C-alpha atoms as a PDB file:
ATOM      1  CA  ARG A   1      88.419 109.551  85.331  1.00  0.00           C
ATOM      2  CA  GLU A   2      90.662 108.749  82.394  1.00  0.00           C
ATOM      3  CA  ALA A   3      90.172 105.013  82.967  1.00  0.00           C
ATOM      4  CA  LEU A   4      86.371 105.446  83.101  1.00  0.00           C
ATOM      5  CA  GLN A   5      86.440 107.448  79.865  1.00  0.00           C
ATOM      6  CA  PHE A   6      88.510 104.660  78.342  1.00  0.00           C
ATOM      7  CA  LEU A   7      85.981 101.988  79.349  1.00  0.00           C
ATOM      8  CA  THR A   8      82.995 103.967  78.041  1.00  0.00           C
ATOM      9  CA  GLN A   9      84.341 104.812  74.594  1.00  0.00           C
ATOM     10  CA  LYS A  10      82.486 103.350  71.643  1.00  0.00           C
ATOM     11  CA  ASN A  11      85.428 101.514  70.060  1.00  0.00           C
ATOM     12  CA  LEU A  12      86.845  99.973  73.230  1.00  0.00           C
ATOM     13  CA  VAL A  13      88.276  96.851  71.595  1.00  0.00           C
ATOM     14  CA  GLU A  14      90.057  98.884  68.915  1.00  0.00           C
ATOM     15  CA  ALA A  15      91.447 101.180  71.643  1.00  0.00           C
ATOM     16  CA  ILE A  16      92.862  98.182  73.529  1.00  0.00           C
ATOM     17  CA  LEU A  17      94.551  96.944  70.355  1.00  0.00           C
ATOM     18  CA  GLN A  18      95.932 100.420  69.641  1.00  0.00           C
ATOM     19  CA  ASP A  19      97.402 100.698  73.130  1.00  0.00           C
ATOM     20  CA  MET A  20      99.088  97.311  72.749  1.00  0.00           C
ATOM     21  CA  GLU A  21     100.572  98.545  69.478  1.00  0.00           C
ATOM     22  CA  THR A  22     101.722 101.727  71.218  1.00  0.00           C
ATOM     23  CA  LEU A  23     103.608  99.501  73.654  1.00  0.00           C
ATOM     24  CA  GLY A  24     105.437  98.036  70.670  1.00  0.00           C
ATOM     25  CA  TYR A  25     103.510  94.928  69.665  1.00  0.00           C
ATOM     26  CA  VAL A  26     102.516  95.564  66.048  1.00  0.00           C
ATOM     27  CA  GLY A  27     100.007  93.499  64.041  1.00  0.00           C
ATOM     28  CA  GLU A  28      98.643  90.203  65.450  1.00  0.00           C
ATOM     29  CA  GLU A  29      95.204  91.582  66.376  1.00  0.00           C
ATOM     30  CA  GLU A  30      93.748  88.167  67.251  1.00  0.00           C
ATOM     31  CA  ALA A  31      96.708  87.166  69.404  1.00  0.00           C
ATOM     32  CA  LYS A  32      96.842  90.500  71.250  1.00  0.00           C
ATOM     33  CA  LEU A  33      93.133  90.710  72.008  1.00  0.00           C
ATOM     34  CA  LEU A  34      92.831  87.058  73.001  1.00  0.00           C
ATOM     35  CA  GLY A  35      95.766  87.407  75.394  1.00  0.00           C
ATOM     36  CA  TYR A  36      94.209  90.543  76.886  1.00  0.00           C
ATOM     37  CA  CYS A  37      90.887  88.735  77.341  1.00  0.00           C
ATOM     38  CA  VAL A  38      92.628  85.852  79.121  1.00  0.00           C
ATOM     39  CA  SER A  39      94.093  88.331  81.605  1.00  0.00           C
ATOM     40  CA  VAL A  40      90.759  90.099  82.214  1.00  0.00           C
ATOM     41  CA  SER A  41      88.980  86.749  82.595  1.00  0.00           C
ATOM     42  CA  ARG A  42      90.782  86.277  85.929  1.00  0.00           C
ATOM     43  CA  LYS A  43      87.935  88.329  87.442  1.00  0.00           C
ATOM     44  CA  LEU A  44      85.257  85.861  86.299  1.00  0.00           C
ATOM     45  CA  GLU A  45      84.030  82.715  88.021  1.00  0.00           C
ATOM     46  CA  ARG A  46      85.557  80.574  85.258  1.00  0.00           C
ATOM     47  CA  PRO A  47      88.717  82.269  83.946  1.00  0.00           C
ATOM     48  CA  MET A  48      90.428  81.321  80.691  1.00  0.00           C
ATOM     49  CA  SER A  49      93.914  80.016  79.920  1.00  0.00           C
ATOM     50  CA  ALA A  50      96.156  80.283  76.861  1.00  0.00           C
ATOM     51  CA  ILE A  51      99.401  78.989  75.400  1.00  0.00           C
ATOM     52  CA  ILE A  52     101.265  81.382  73.083  1.00  0.00           C
ATOM     53  CA  GLN A  53     102.938  79.189  70.492  1.00  0.00           C
ATOM     54  CA  SER A  54     105.591  80.102  67.907  1.00  0.00           C
ATOM     55  CA  GLY A  55     109.140  79.535  66.759  1.00  0.00           C
ATOM     56  CA  SER A  56     112.024  81.169  68.559  1.00  0.00           C
ATOM     57  CA  GLY A  57     112.245  84.914  67.931  1.00  0.00           C
ATOM     58  CA  ALA A  58     108.662  85.349  66.690  1.00  0.00           C
ATOM     59  CA  GLY A  59     107.651  87.579  69.598  1.00  0.00           C
ATOM     60  CA  LYS A  60     105.779  85.262  71.971  1.00  0.00           C
ATOM     61  CA  SER A  61     107.733  86.403  75.042  1.00  0.00           C
ATOM     62  CA  TYR A  62     107.108  90.043  74.189  1.00  0.00           C
ATOM     63  CA  LEU A  63     103.381  89.467  73.711  1.00  0.00           C
ATOM     64  CA  ALA A  64     103.272  87.808  77.134  1.00  0.00           C
ATOM     65  CA  GLU A  65     105.215  90.759  78.559  1.00  0.00           C
ATOM     66  CA  VAL A  66     102.777  93.298  77.081  1.00  0.00           C
ATOM     67  CA  ILE A  67      99.800  91.404  78.544  1.00  0.00           C
ATOM     68  CA  ARG A  68     101.566  91.265  81.898  1.00  0.00           C
ATOM     69  CA  THR A  69     102.436  94.967  81.714  1.00  0.00           C
ATOM     70  CA  LEU A  70      98.789  95.958  81.199  1.00  0.00           C
ATOM     71  CA  THR A  71      97.576  93.820  84.124  1.00  0.00           C
ATOM     72  CA  PRO A  72      97.517  95.537  87.543  1.00  0.00           C
ATOM     73  CA  PRO A  73     100.640  94.357  89.414  1.00  0.00           C
ATOM     74  CA  GLU A  74      98.608  93.137  92.393  1.00  0.00           C
ATOM     75  CA  ASP A  75      96.759  90.706  90.091  1.00  0.00           C
ATOM     76  CA  ILE A  76      99.752  89.126  88.339  1.00  0.00           C
ATOM     77  CA  VAL A  77     101.871  86.187  89.522  1.00  0.00           C
ATOM     78  CA  PHE A  78     104.836  85.699  87.204  1.00  0.00           C
ATOM     79  CA  TYR A  79     107.485  82.964  87.406  1.00  0.00           C
ATOM     80  CA  SER A  80     110.276  81.695  85.202  1.00  0.00           C
ATOM     81  CA  ARG A  81     110.082  78.276  86.845  1.00  0.00           C
ATOM     82  CA  LEU A  82     107.973  76.378  89.361  1.00  0.00           C
ATOM     83  CA  SER A  83     109.297  73.468  91.404  1.00  0.00           C
ATOM     84  CA  PRO A  84     107.019  70.400  91.670  1.00  0.00           C
ATOM     85  CA  GLN A  85     105.667  71.222  95.156  1.00  0.00           C
ATOM     86  CA  ALA A  86     105.686  75.033  94.957  1.00  0.00           C
ATOM     87  CA  LEU A  87     101.991  75.586  94.278  1.00  0.00           C
ATOM     88  CA  TYR A  88     100.910  73.346  97.169  1.00  0.00           C
ATOM     89  CA  HIS A  89     102.732  75.509  99.707  1.00  0.00           C
ATOM     90  CA  MET A  90     101.533  78.936  98.648  1.00  0.00           C
ATOM     91  CA  PRO A  91      99.266  80.973 100.969  1.00  0.00           C
ATOM     92  CA  LYS A  92      95.730  79.651 100.674  1.00  0.00           C
ATOM     93  CA  ASP A  93      94.244  82.687  98.891  1.00  0.00           C
ATOM     94  CA  TYR A  94      97.356  83.946  97.105  1.00  0.00           C
ATOM     95  CA  LEU A  95      96.222  82.866  93.623  1.00  0.00           C
ATOM     96  CA  VAL A  96      92.505  83.730  93.870  1.00  0.00           C
ATOM     97  CA  HIS A  97      91.444  85.625  90.728  1.00  0.00           C
ATOM     98  CA  LYS A  98      95.062  86.176  89.677  1.00  0.00           C
ATOM     99  CA  LEU A  99      96.763  85.775  86.307  1.00  0.00           C
ATOM    100  CA  LEU A 100      99.424  83.083  86.746  1.00  0.00           C
ATOM    101  CA  GLU A 101     101.998  83.504  83.991  1.00  0.00           C
ATOM    102  CA  LEU A 102     104.965  81.252  83.258  1.00  0.00           C
ATOM    103  CA  GLU A 103     107.805  82.558  81.130  1.00  0.00           C
ATOM    104  CA  GLU A 104     108.249  79.272  79.235  1.00  0.00           C
ATOM    105  CA  ARG A 105     106.404  75.950  79.064  1.00  0.00           C
ATOM    106  CA  VAL A 106     109.544  74.123  80.217  1.00  0.00           C
ATOM    107  CA  GLY A 107     109.480  76.093  83.481  1.00  0.00           C
ATOM    108  CA  GLY A 108     106.122  74.641  84.471  1.00  0.00           C
ATOM    109  CA  GLU A 109     106.264  71.075  83.157  1.00  0.00           C
ATOM    110  CA  SER A 110     106.858  69.640  86.635  1.00  0.00           C
ATOM    111  CA  CYS A 111     103.648  71.373  87.820  1.00  0.00           C
ATOM    112  CA  ASP A 112     101.394  70.393  84.928  1.00  0.00           C
ATOM    113  CA  TYR A 113      99.027  68.372  87.092  1.00  0.00           C
ATOM    114  CA  GLN A 114      98.710  71.085  89.752  1.00  0.00           C
ATOM    115  CA  ILE A 115      98.052  73.797  87.151  1.00  0.00           C
ATOM    116  CA  ARG A 116      95.414  71.650  85.441  1.00  0.00           C
ATOM    117  CA  SER A 117      93.691  71.096  88.790  1.00  0.00           C
ATOM    118  CA  LEU A 118      93.553  74.839  89.426  1.00  0.00           C
ATOM    119  CA  GLN A 119      92.187  75.387  85.919  1.00  0.00           C
ATOM    120  CA  SER A 120      89.467  72.739  86.165  1.00  0.00           C
ATOM    121  CA  ALA A 121      88.556  72.405  89.839  1.00  0.00           C
ATOM    122  CA  GLY A 122      89.703  75.822  91.055  1.00  0.00           C
ATOM    123  CA  ILE A 123      91.395  74.310  94.107  1.00  0.00           C
ATOM    124  CA  LEU A 124      94.483  72.281  95.075  1.00  0.00           C
ATOM    125  CA  ARG A 125      94.470  69.838  98.006  1.00  0.00           C
ATOM    126  CA  GLN A 126      97.445  67.889  99.286  1.00  0.00           C
ATOM    127  CA  VAL A 127      97.870  65.712 102.361  1.00  0.00           C
ATOM    128  CA  ILE A 128     101.419  65.398 103.685  1.00  0.00           C
ATOM    129  CA  VAL A 129     103.031  63.682 106.673  1.00  0.00           C
ATOM    130  CA  VAL A 130     104.964  65.990 109.030  1.00  0.00           C
ATOM    131  CA  LYS A 131     106.620  65.586 112.418  1.00  0.00           C
ATOM    132  CA  ASP A 132     105.087  67.322 115.418  1.00  0.00           C
ATOM    133  CA  PRO A 133     107.832  69.666 116.712  1.00  0.00           C
ATOM    134  CA  ASN A 134     106.723  69.130 120.339  1.00  0.00           C
ATOM    135  CA  THR A 135     106.175  65.369 120.506  1.00  0.00           C
ATOM    136  CA  GLY A 136     108.198  64.106 117.559  1.00  0.00           C
ATOM    137  CA  GLN A 137     105.188  62.066 116.460  1.00  0.00           C
ATOM    138  CA  LEU A 138     104.227  61.856 112.782  1.00  0.00           C
ATOM    139  CA  MET A 139     100.991  63.581 111.893  1.00  0.00           C
ATOM    140  CA  VAL A 140      98.941  64.381 108.806  1.00  0.00           C
ATOM    141  CA  ARG A 141      98.573  67.952 107.549  1.00  0.00           C
ATOM    142  CA  GLU A 142      96.339  69.113 104.730  1.00  0.00           C
ATOM    143  CA  ASN A 143      97.390  71.948 102.417  1.00  0.00           C
ATOM    144  CA  GLU A 144      94.778  73.835 100.400  1.00  0.00           C
ATOM    145  CA  VAL A 145      95.348  76.465  97.722  1.00  0.00           C
ATOM    146  CA  TRP A 146      92.359  78.224  96.178  1.00  0.00           C
ATOM    147  CA  GLY A 147      91.633  79.468  92.693  1.00  0.00           C
ATOM    148  CA  PRO A 148      90.221  80.310  90.291  1.00  0.00           C
ATOM    149  CA  ILE A 149      93.145  81.452  88.148  1.00  0.00           C
ATOM    150  CA  ALA A 150      93.693  82.676  84.630  1.00  0.00           C
ATOM    151  CA  TYR A 151      96.794  81.061  83.158  1.00  0.00           C
ATOM    152  CA  LEU A 152      99.260  82.043  80.426  1.00  0.00           C
ATOM    153  CA  GLU A 153     102.435  80.418  79.152  1.00  0.00           C
ATOM    154  CA  THR A 154     104.632  80.455  76.026  1.00  0.00           C
ATOM    155  CA  THR A 155     106.277  77.635  74.119  1.00  0.00           C
ATOM    156  CA  THR A 156     108.222  76.796  70.958  1.00  0.00           C
ATOM    157  CA  ASN A 157     106.987  73.202  71.134  1.00  0.00           C
ATOM    158  CA  LEU A 158     104.564  72.345  68.325  1.00  0.00           C
ATOM    159  CA  ARG A 159     103.464  69.096  70.010  1.00  0.00           C
ATOM    160  CA  LEU A 160     101.660  69.818  73.242  1.00  0.00           C
ATOM    161  CA  ASN A 161     100.002  67.584  75.805  1.00  0.00           C
ATOM    162  CA  PRO A 162      96.297  67.249  74.870  1.00  0.00           C
ATOM    163  CA  GLU A 163      95.478  67.429  78.592  1.00  0.00           C
ATOM    164  CA  ASN A 164      96.877  70.969  78.546  1.00  0.00           C
ATOM    165  CA  THR A 165      95.566  72.154  75.182  1.00  0.00           C
ATOM    166  CA  SER A 166      92.004  71.045  75.941  1.00  0.00           C
ATOM    167  CA  ARG A 167      92.023  73.568  78.796  1.00  0.00           C
ATOM    168  CA  CYS A 168      93.711  76.394  76.894  1.00  0.00           C
ATOM    169  CA  PHE A 169      93.338  78.596  73.878  1.00  0.00           C
ATOM    170  CA  GLU A 170      96.312  77.988  71.609  1.00  0.00           C
ATOM    171  CA  ILE A 171      97.577  81.319  70.260  1.00  0.00           C
ATOM    172  CA  PRO A 172      99.758  80.806  67.172  1.00  0.00           C
ATOM    173  CA  LEU A 173     101.787  83.831  66.097  1.00  0.00           C
ATOM    174  CA  ASP A 174     102.226  85.250  62.614  1.00  0.00           C
ATOM    175  CA  GLU A 175     105.649  84.168  61.285  1.00  0.00           C
ATOM    176  CA  SER A 176     105.158  85.703  57.826  1.00  0.00           C
ATOM    177  CA  SER A 177     107.588  88.097  56.156  1.00  0.00           C
ATOM    178  CA  ARG A 178     104.892  90.816  56.270  1.00  0.00           C
ATOM    179  CA  GLN A 179     104.798  90.637  60.061  1.00  0.00           C
ATOM    180  CA  THR A 180     108.600  90.689  60.136  1.00  0.00           C
ATOM    181  CA  GLU A 181     108.528  93.905  58.086  1.00  0.00           C
ATOM    182  CA  ARG A 182     106.119  95.470  60.612  1.00  0.00           C
ATOM    183  CA  ILE A 183     108.512  94.567  63.422  1.00  0.00           C
ATOM    184  CA  HIS A 184     111.449  96.044  61.494  1.00  0.00           C
ATOM    185  CA  GLN A 185     109.562  99.323  61.097  1.00  0.00           C
ATOM    186  CA  ARG A 186     108.839  99.434  64.823  1.00  0.00           C
ATOM    187  CA  GLN A 187     112.495  98.770  65.643  1.00  0.00           C
ATOM    188  CA  LYS A 188     113.529 101.609  63.335  1.00  0.00           C
ATOM    189  CA  ALA A 189     111.027 104.006  64.924  1.00  0.00           C
ATOM    190  CA  LEU A 190     112.662 103.435  68.308  1.00  0.00           C
ATOM    191  CA  ARG A 191     115.927 104.773  66.846  1.00  0.00           C
ATOM    192  CA  THR A 192     114.316 108.111  65.953  1.00  0.00           C
ATOM    193  CA  LEU A 193     113.189 111.058  68.089  1.00  0.00           C
ATOM    194  CA  GLN A 194     110.184 108.934  69.048  1.00  0.00           C
ATOM    195  CA  ARG A 195     112.373 107.093  71.571  1.00  0.00           C
ATOM    196  CA  LEU A 196     112.661 110.283  73.665  1.00  0.00           C
ATOM    197  CA  THR A 197     108.957 110.175  74.608  1.00  0.00           C
ATOM    198  CA  ALA A 198     108.399 106.410  74.381  1.00  0.00           C
ATOM    199  CA  ASN A 199     108.858 105.750  78.119  1.00  0.00           C
ATOM    200  CA  ASP A 200     106.396 108.482  79.163  1.00  0.00           C
ATOM    201  CA  THR A 201     103.815 107.181  76.687  1.00  0.00           C
ATOM    202  CA  ARG A 202     104.339 103.619  77.899  1.00  0.00           C
ATOM    203  CA  GLU A 203     103.778 104.626  81.541  1.00  0.00           C
ATOM    204  CA  ARG A 204     100.562 106.492  80.707  1.00  0.00           C
ATOM    205  CA  VAL A 205      99.169 103.515  78.782  1.00  0.00           C
ATOM    206  CA  GLN A 206     100.048 101.101  81.573  1.00  0.00           C
ATOM    207  CA  GLU A 207      98.483 103.304  84.247  1.00  0.00           C
ATOM    208  CA  ARG A 208      95.300 103.734  82.207  1.00  0.00           C
ATOM    209  CA  HIS A 209      94.834  99.977  81.837  1.00  0.00           C
ATOM    210  CA  HIS A 210      95.691  99.246  85.462  1.00  0.00           C
ATOM    211  CA  HIS A 211      92.994 101.652  86.657  1.00  0.00           C
ATOM    212  CA  ALA A 212      90.517 100.508  83.993  1.00  0.00           C
ATOM    213  CA  GLN A 213      90.832  96.854  85.022  1.00  0.00           C
ATOM    214  CA  ARG A 214      90.514  97.822  88.695  1.00  0.00           C
ATOM    215  CA  LEU A 215      87.219  99.527  87.842  1.00  0.00           C
ATOM    216  CA  LEU A 216      85.762  96.301  86.413  1.00  0.00           C
ATOM    217  CA  GLU A 217      83.396  94.989  89.076  1.00  0.00           C
ATOM    218  CA  PRO A 218      82.358  91.347  89.553  1.00  0.00           C
ATOM    219  CA  ILE A 219      79.020  90.873  87.814  1.00  0.00           C
ATOM    220  CA  PRO A 220      77.563  87.803  86.052  1.00  0.00           C
ATOM    221  CA  VAL A 221      76.997  87.855  82.289  1.00  0.00           C
ATOM    222  CA  ILE A 222      73.982  86.228  80.621  1.00  0.00           C
ATOM    223  CA  ILE A 223      73.952  85.299  76.904  1.00  0.00           C
ATOM    224  CA  PRO A 224      70.311  85.839  75.879  1.00  0.00           C
ATOM    225  CA  TYR A 225      70.737  84.342  72.387  1.00  0.00           C
ATOM    226  CA  ILE A 226      72.568  81.240  73.593  1.00  0.00           C
ATOM    227  CA  ASP A 227      69.952  78.828  72.186  1.00  0.00           C
ATOM    228  CA  LYS A 228      70.691  80.124  68.690  1.00  0.00           C
ATOM    229  CA  LEU A 229      74.410  79.255  68.862  1.00  0.00           C
ATOM    230  CA  THR A 230      75.797  76.098  67.301  1.00  0.00           C
ATOM    231  CA  PHE A 231      79.211  74.514  67.822  1.00  0.00           C
ATOM    232  CA  PRO A 232      81.071  71.532  66.302  1.00  0.00           C
ATOM    233  CA  ALA A 233      80.331  68.337  68.245  1.00  0.00           C
ATOM    234  CA  GLN A 234      82.286  65.663  66.395  1.00  0.00           C
ATOM    235  CA  TRP A 235      85.349  65.868  68.655  1.00  0.00           C
ATOM    236  CA  LEU A 236      85.371  64.908  72.335  1.00  0.00           C
ATOM    237  CA  ARG A 237      87.488  67.943  73.248  1.00  0.00           C
ATOM    238  CA  SER A 238      84.733  70.241  71.963  1.00  0.00           C
ATOM    239  CA  ARG A 239      82.981  69.692  75.312  1.00  0.00           C
ATOM    240  CA  ARG A 240      85.648  71.948  76.817  1.00  0.00           C
ATOM    241  CA  ASP A 241      86.147  74.087  73.715  1.00  0.00           C
ATOM    242  CA  HIS A 242      82.462  75.010  73.676  1.00  0.00           C
ATOM    243  CA  ASP A 243      82.468  76.114  77.304  1.00  0.00           C
ATOM    244  CA  ARG A 244      85.647  78.127  76.727  1.00  0.00           C
ATOM    245  CA  PHE A 245      84.079  79.850  73.715  1.00  0.00           C
ATOM    246  CA  LEU A 246      81.044  80.868  75.766  1.00  0.00           C
ATOM    247  CA  THR A 247      83.394  82.257  78.418  1.00  0.00           C
ATOM    248  CA  LEU A 248      85.071  84.326  75.713  1.00  0.00           C
ATOM    249  CA  ILE A 249      81.703  85.924  74.859  1.00  0.00           C
ATOM    250  CA  GLU A 250      81.245  86.653  78.561  1.00  0.00           C
ATOM    251  CA  VAL A 251      84.676  88.309  78.835  1.00  0.00           C
ATOM    252  CA  ILE A 252      83.996  90.631  75.896  1.00  0.00           C
ATOM    253  CA  ALA A 253      80.647  91.618  77.446  1.00  0.00           C
ATOM    254  CA  TYR A 254      82.282  92.026  80.849  1.00  0.00           C
ATOM    255  CA  LEU A 255      84.842  94.437  79.370  1.00  0.00           C
ATOM    256  CA  HIS A 256      81.955  96.608  78.157  1.00  0.00           C
ATOM    257  CA  GLN A 257      80.105  96.697  81.502  1.00  0.00           C
ATOM    258  CA  TYR A 258      80.245 100.495  81.710  1.00  0.00           C
ATOM    259  CA  GLN A 259      78.454 100.694  78.357  1.00  0.00           C
ATOM    260  CA  ARG A 260      75.614  98.306  79.236  1.00  0.00           C
ATOM    261  CA  SER A 261      72.542  98.700  81.397  1.00  0.00           C
ATOM    262  CA  GLN A 262      72.548  96.402  84.396  1.00  0.00           C
ATOM    263  CA  LYS A 263      69.486  94.211  84.745  1.00  0.00           C
ATOM    264  CA  LEU A 264      67.963  92.564  87.800  1.00  0.00           C
ATOM    265  CA  HIS A 265      66.762  89.014  88.405  1.00  0.00           C
ATOM    266  CA  SER A 266      65.793  87.832  91.909  1.00  0.00           C
ATOM    267  CA  ASP A 267      67.714  90.779  93.368  1.00  0.00           C
ATOM    268  CA  VAL A 268      70.864  89.771  91.462  1.00  0.00           C
ATOM    269  CA  LYS A 269      72.366  92.290  89.044  1.00  0.00           C
ATOM    270  CA  TYR A 270      73.640  90.987  85.707  1.00  0.00           C
ATOM    271  CA  LEU A 271      74.743  92.052  82.215  1.00  0.00           C
ATOM    272  CA  GLU A 272      73.503  90.755  78.875  1.00  0.00           C
ATOM    273  CA  ALA A 273      75.950  89.907  76.098  1.00  0.00           C
ATOM    274  CA  THR A 274      75.202  91.434  72.700  1.00  0.00           C
ATOM    275  CA  VAL A 275      75.606  90.026  69.206  1.00  0.00           C
ATOM    276  CA  ALA A 276      78.647  92.315  68.851  1.00  0.00           C
ATOM    277  CA  ASP A 277      80.269  90.399  71.735  1.00  0.00           C
ATOM    278  CA  TYR A 278      79.661  87.158  69.858  1.00  0.00           C
ATOM    279  CA  ARG A 279      81.181  88.683  66.728  1.00  0.00           C
ATOM    280  CA  TRP A 280      84.416  89.528  68.563  1.00  0.00           C
ATOM    281  CA  ALA A 281      84.512  86.083  70.201  1.00  0.00           C
ATOM    282  CA  TYR A 282      84.113  84.405  66.826  1.00  0.00           C
ATOM    283  CA  PHE A 283      86.884  86.615  65.400  1.00  0.00           C
ATOM    284  CA  LEU A 284      89.202  85.446  68.184  1.00  0.00           C
ATOM    285  CA  ALA A 285      88.288  81.750  68.335  1.00  0.00           C
ATOM    286  CA  HIS A 286      87.679  80.669  64.738  1.00  0.00           C
ATOM    287  CA  LYS A 287      91.327  79.745  64.089  1.00  0.00           C
END
């Protein structure tokens, strides 16, 4: 009931940002909300991916941790490192509609190609040669791992592979002195009486978001004003950027599904995105 009340409140986006601040991540509204949307997008047909990018100590690992904390544990796959063949040998449906999160970019460099395939094609296929245990003869075996996946990683590297960035939102963090002051204030607060109730508050927030995300049902989103939208076309990578931006509008609408009337077309239920959804998507993507 609490999760349903959360999803039906008027200022849902602001409530999500407030809960992320309650968990200790102050400021950085764009970064927090975009990361949250990437996680929720795992439930869509075409999930999103992101790379959180900043210098050491700016808070990228903690932002990734907060996003992971608010995602239901059954929907998160978190690794510090992946070996080159690891993804090929996972159970076939293990990654379907999951958030795959890597602690650091360096931990997934050997799997770049496999991750890109899951992002773009939504499936991994590998043919390997194995020995038949009964006859000793060599034989061919095909491994298949299904997506789609949402993907999140962090990095301190300012020069990233264009093959990766064209598939991901890049989330730069605020390294200003003003943001540092906000962090200092939060660190001080945790040395006051507030620390005595911080764990209970954290658990309540986590549980609310876990149940809220479980309540989100698969339903397609239509953008009725899509013909009125324009997007830069002078760069080749905008072919992917444009599609990713439209997905961002869909995710914002999808988050508000308990506040929208479902419509019907050829016996298929769907939601319509509003101009407010576009406004939030523009707020997140314009940088």
